[in-house]
C-alpha atoms as a PDB file:
ATOM      1  CA  GLN A   1       0.057   0.081  -0.054  1.00  0.00           C
ATOM      2  CA  VAL A   2       1.127   3.496  -0.820  1.00  0.00           C
ATOM      3  CA  HIS A   3      -0.280   6.607   1.147  1.00  0.00           C
ATOM      4  CA  LEU A   4      -0.204   9.757  -1.125  1.00  0.00           C
ATOM      5  CA  VAL A   5      -0.914  13.466   0.154  1.00  0.00           C
ATOM      6  CA  GLU A   6      -0.935  16.124  -2.229  1.00  0.00           C
ATOM      7  CA  SER A   7      -0.031  20.053  -1.378  1.00  0.00           C
ATOM      8  CA  GLY A   8       0.438  23.235  -3.173  1.00  0.00           C
ATOM      9  CA  GLY A   9      -2.904  24.041  -4.911  1.00  0.00           C
ATOM     10  CA  GLY A  10      -4.653  27.287  -4.622  1.00  0.00           C
ATOM     11  CA  LEU A  11      -5.548  30.305  -6.535  1.00  0.00           C
ATOM     12  CA  VAL A  12      -3.209  31.843  -9.178  1.00  0.00           C
ATOM     13  CA  GLN A  13      -3.775  34.424 -11.940  1.00  0.00           C
ATOM     14  CA  ALA A  14      -3.504  33.491 -15.673  1.00  0.00           C
ATOM     15  CA  GLY A  15       0.049  33.456 -16.775  1.00  0.00           C
ATOM     16  CA  GLY A  16       1.252  32.549 -13.305  1.00  0.00           C
ATOM     17  CA  SER A  17       2.982  29.473 -11.763  1.00  0.00           C
ATOM     18  CA  LEU A  18       2.333  26.915  -9.251  1.00  0.00           C
ATOM     19  CA  ARG A  19       4.156  23.880  -8.067  1.00  0.00           C
ATOM     20  CA  LEU A  20       2.195  20.778  -6.617  1.00  0.00           C
ATOM     21  CA  SER A  21       3.923  18.264  -4.466  1.00  0.00           C
ATOM     22  CA  CYS A  22       2.922  14.723  -3.474  1.00  0.00           C
ATOM     23  CA  ALA A  23       4.572  12.956  -0.614  1.00  0.00           C
ATOM     24  CA  ALA A  24       4.284   9.139  -0.604  1.00  0.00           C
ATOM     25  CA  SER A  25       4.565   7.005   2.390  1.00  0.00           C
ATOM     26  CA  GLY A  26       4.071   3.163   3.057  1.00  0.00           C
ATOM     27  CA  SER A  27       5.409   0.662   0.605  1.00  0.00           C
ATOM     28  CA  THR A  28       7.474   3.322  -1.354  1.00  0.00           C
ATOM     29  CA  SER A  29      10.284   0.891  -2.274  1.00  0.00           C
ATOM     30  CA  SER A  30       8.029  -0.874  -4.620  1.00  0.00           C
ATOM     31  CA  THR A  31       6.836   2.279  -6.488  1.00  0.00           C
ATOM     32  CA  TYR A  32       7.610   1.985 -10.294  1.00  0.00           C
ATOM     33  CA  ALA A  33       5.911   5.193 -11.368  1.00  0.00           C
ATOM     34  CA  MET A  34       4.072   8.274 -10.135  1.00  0.00           C
ATOM     35  CA  GLY A  35       1.993  10.820 -11.976  1.00  0.00           C
ATOM     36  CA  TRP A  36      -0.726  13.420 -11.919  1.00  0.00           C
ATOM     37  CA  PHE A  37      -4.098  13.473 -13.277  1.00  0.00           C
ATOM     38  CA  ARG A  38      -6.814  16.105 -13.442  1.00  0.00           C
ATOM     39  CA  GLN A  39     -10.472  15.821 -12.839  1.00  0.00           C
ATOM     40  CA  ALA A  40     -13.392  18.197 -13.232  1.00  0.00           C
ATOM     41  CA  PRO A  41     -16.617  17.375 -11.333  1.00  0.00           C
ATOM     42  CA  GLY A  42     -18.797  14.722 -13.086  1.00  0.00           C
ATOM     43  CA  LYS A  43     -15.781  13.907 -15.510  1.00  0.00           C
ATOM     44  CA  GLU A  44     -13.152  11.090 -15.819  1.00  0.00           C
ATOM     45  CA  ARG A  45      -9.613  11.709 -14.788  1.00  0.00           C
ATOM     46  CA  GLU A  46      -7.383  13.140 -17.337  1.00  0.00           C
ATOM     47  CA  PHE A  47      -3.691  12.381 -17.498  1.00  0.00           C
ATOM     48  CA  VAL A  48      -1.344  15.251 -17.002  1.00  0.00           C
ATOM     49  CA  ALA A  49       2.219  14.067 -16.369  1.00  0.00           C
ATOM     50  CA  ALA A  50       4.062  10.886 -15.051  1.00  0.00           C
ATOM     51  CA  ILE A  51       7.378   9.939 -14.110  1.00  0.00           C
ATOM     52  CA  ILE A  52       9.221   6.635 -13.885  1.00  0.00           C
ATOM     53  CA  TRP A  53      10.662   6.484 -10.303  1.00  0.00           C
ATOM     54  CA  ASN A  54      14.215   4.756 -10.847  1.00  0.00           C
ATOM     55  CA  SER A  55      14.895   6.308 -14.383  1.00  0.00           C
ATOM     56  CA  GLY A  56      13.296   9.599 -14.075  1.00  0.00           C
ATOM     57  CA  MET A  57      11.820   9.167 -17.663  1.00  0.00           C
ATOM     58  CA  THR A  58       8.922  11.552 -17.903  1.00  0.00           C
ATOM     59  CA  TYR A  59       5.625  11.559 -19.956  1.00  0.00           C
ATOM     60  CA  LEU A  60       3.477  14.754 -20.347  1.00  0.00           C
ATOM     61  CA  THR A  61       0.181  15.288 -22.065  1.00  0.00           C
ATOM     62  CA  ASP A  62       0.506  17.395 -25.143  1.00  0.00           C
ATOM     63  CA  SER A  63      -1.174  20.248 -23.961  1.00  0.00           C
ATOM     64  CA  VAL A  64       1.105  21.050 -21.108  1.00  0.00           C
ATOM     65  CA  LYS A  65       4.447  20.093 -22.716  1.00  0.00           C
ATOM     66  CA  GLY A  66       6.728  23.267 -22.667  1.00  0.00           C
ATOM     67  CA  ARG A  67       4.795  24.611 -19.602  1.00  0.00           C
ATOM     68  CA  PHE A  68       4.582  21.919 -16.939  1.00  0.00           C
ATOM     69  CA  THR A  69       7.665  19.708 -15.646  1.00  0.00           C
ATOM     70  CA  ILE A  70       7.255  16.631 -13.526  1.00  0.00           C
ATOM     71  CA  SER A  71      10.292  15.679 -11.293  1.00  0.00           C
ATOM     72  CA  ARG A  72      10.830  13.790  -8.259  1.00  0.00           C
ATOM     73  CA  ASP A  73      13.017  13.747  -4.965  1.00  0.00           C
ATOM     74  CA  THR A  74      13.858  10.024  -4.312  1.00  0.00           C
ATOM     75  CA  ALA A  75      15.177  10.867  -0.911  1.00  0.00           C
ATOM     76  CA  LYS A  76      11.955  12.512   0.158  1.00  0.00           C
ATOM     77  CA  ASN A  77       9.499  10.084  -1.771  1.00  0.00           C
ATOM     78  CA  THR A  78       7.973  13.066  -3.264  1.00  0.00           C
ATOM     79  CA  VAL A  79       6.864  13.909  -6.768  1.00  0.00           C
ATOM     80  CA  TYR A  80       6.286  17.562  -8.161  1.00  0.00           C
ATOM     81  CA  VAL A  81       4.600  19.159 -11.022  1.00  0.00           C
ATOM     82  CA  GLN A  82       5.813  22.569 -11.747  1.00  0.00           C
ATOM     83  CA  LYS A  83       3.116  24.470 -13.856  1.00  0.00           C
ATOM     84  CA  ASN A  84       4.086  27.554 -15.841  1.00  0.00           C
ATOM     85  CA  SER A  85       2.121  29.949 -17.901  1.00  0.00           C
ATOM     86  CA  LEU A  86      -1.302  28.740 -16.389  1.00  0.00           C
ATOM     87  CA  THR A  87      -4.485  29.454 -18.125  1.00  0.00           C
ATOM     88  CA  THR A  88      -7.939  29.226 -17.011  1.00  0.00           C
ATOM     89  CA  GLU A  89      -8.219  25.903 -18.669  1.00  0.00           C
ATOM     90  CA  ASN A  90      -5.854  24.591 -16.069  1.00  0.00           C
ATOM     91  CA  THR A  91      -8.542  24.855 -13.330  1.00  0.00           C
ATOM     92  CA  ASP A  92      -9.237  21.846 -12.008  1.00  0.00           C
ATOM     93  CA  ASN A  93      -8.600  19.243  -9.092  1.00  0.00           C
ATOM     94  CA  TYR A  94      -5.263  17.629  -9.482  1.00  0.00           C
ATOM     95  CA  SER A  95      -4.702  14.271  -7.866  1.00  0.00           C
ATOM     96  CA  CYS A  96      -1.454  12.271  -7.455  1.00  0.00           C
ATOM     97  CA  THR A  97      -1.119   8.632  -8.229  1.00  0.00           C
ATOM     98  CA  ALA A  98       1.297   5.638  -8.061  1.00  0.00           C
ATOM     99  CA  VAL A  99       1.804   2.205  -9.257  1.00  0.00           C
ATOM    100  CA  PHE A 100       3.928  -0.782  -8.535  1.00  0.00           C
ATOM    101  CA  GLY A 101       4.475  -1.573 -12.279  1.00  0.00           C
ATOM    102  CA  GLY A 102       2.862  -2.003 -15.711  1.00  0.00           C
ATOM    103  CA  VAL A 103       3.084   1.642 -16.882  1.00  0.00           C
ATOM    104  CA  THR A 104       4.553   2.902 -20.195  1.00  0.00           C
ATOM    105  CA  PHE A 105       4.103   5.689 -22.362  1.00  0.00           C
ATOM    106  CA  LEU A 106       1.426   3.705 -24.342  1.00  0.00           C
ATOM    107  CA  ASN A 107      -1.013   3.162 -21.225  1.00  0.00           C
ATOM    108  CA  CYS A 108       0.112   5.928 -18.518  1.00  0.00           C
ATOM    109  CA  SER A 109      -2.591   8.251 -19.771  1.00  0.00           C
ATOM    110  CA  SER A 110      -5.260   5.665 -18.548  1.00  0.00           C
ATOM    111  CA  TYR A 111      -6.314   6.066 -14.839  1.00  0.00           C
ATOM    112  CA  ARG A 112      -7.054   2.512 -14.944  1.00  0.00           C
ATOM    113  CA  ALA A 113      -3.319   1.760 -15.280  1.00  0.00           C
ATOM    114  CA  TRP A 114      -2.835   3.200 -11.978  1.00  0.00           C
ATOM    115  CA  ASP A 115      -3.248   1.770  -8.332  1.00  0.00           C
ATOM    116  CA  TYR A 116      -3.145   4.443  -5.649  1.00  0.00           C
ATOM    117  CA  TRP A 117      -4.534   7.885  -5.403  1.00  0.00           C
ATOM    118  CA  GLY A 118      -4.338  10.860  -3.285  1.00  0.00           C
ATOM    119  CA  GLN A 119      -7.333  13.050  -2.173  1.00  0.00           C
ATOM    120  CA  GLY A 120      -6.262  15.654  -4.615  1.00  0.00           C
ATOM    121  CA  THR A 121      -5.555  19.422  -4.457  1.00  0.00           C
ATOM    122  CA  LYS A 122      -7.504  22.256  -6.098  1.00  0.00           C
ATOM    123  CA  VAL A 123      -5.907  24.550  -8.684  1.00  0.00           C
ATOM    124  CA  THR A 124      -7.986  27.602  -9.595  1.00  0.00           C
ATOM    125  CA  VAL A 125      -6.686  29.876 -12.471  1.00  0.00           C
ATOM    126  CA  SER A 126      -8.165  33.292 -12.533  1.00  0.00           C
ATOM    127  CA  SER A 127      -8.428  35.413 -15.671  1.00  0.00           C
END
């Protein structure tokens, strides 16, 4: 089991930046990958970014490439997503996720590929 706790959400103006953090605890030595999804009320989760824990290889959805960066601190068992040049379309609830294995660039964008989820943190971008 892995327990995930997100932080860093809040209100930011369009064009601004925000960094979300997700601290993992529990069976973290078995973590293969961690990632971020966004979700609007009544909608399915949408993939944002993922990182393979050991190699540091990253995957980002096309709409955030060049603006968002995902990284991890292996000593702190924490994953981050740095979000720059935010727009109102980035307003959503962002959840951290983790999996023990089985994700690649082919399936990481599907929430079904992931096993553990945090409660989420709200990001609101004002115009």
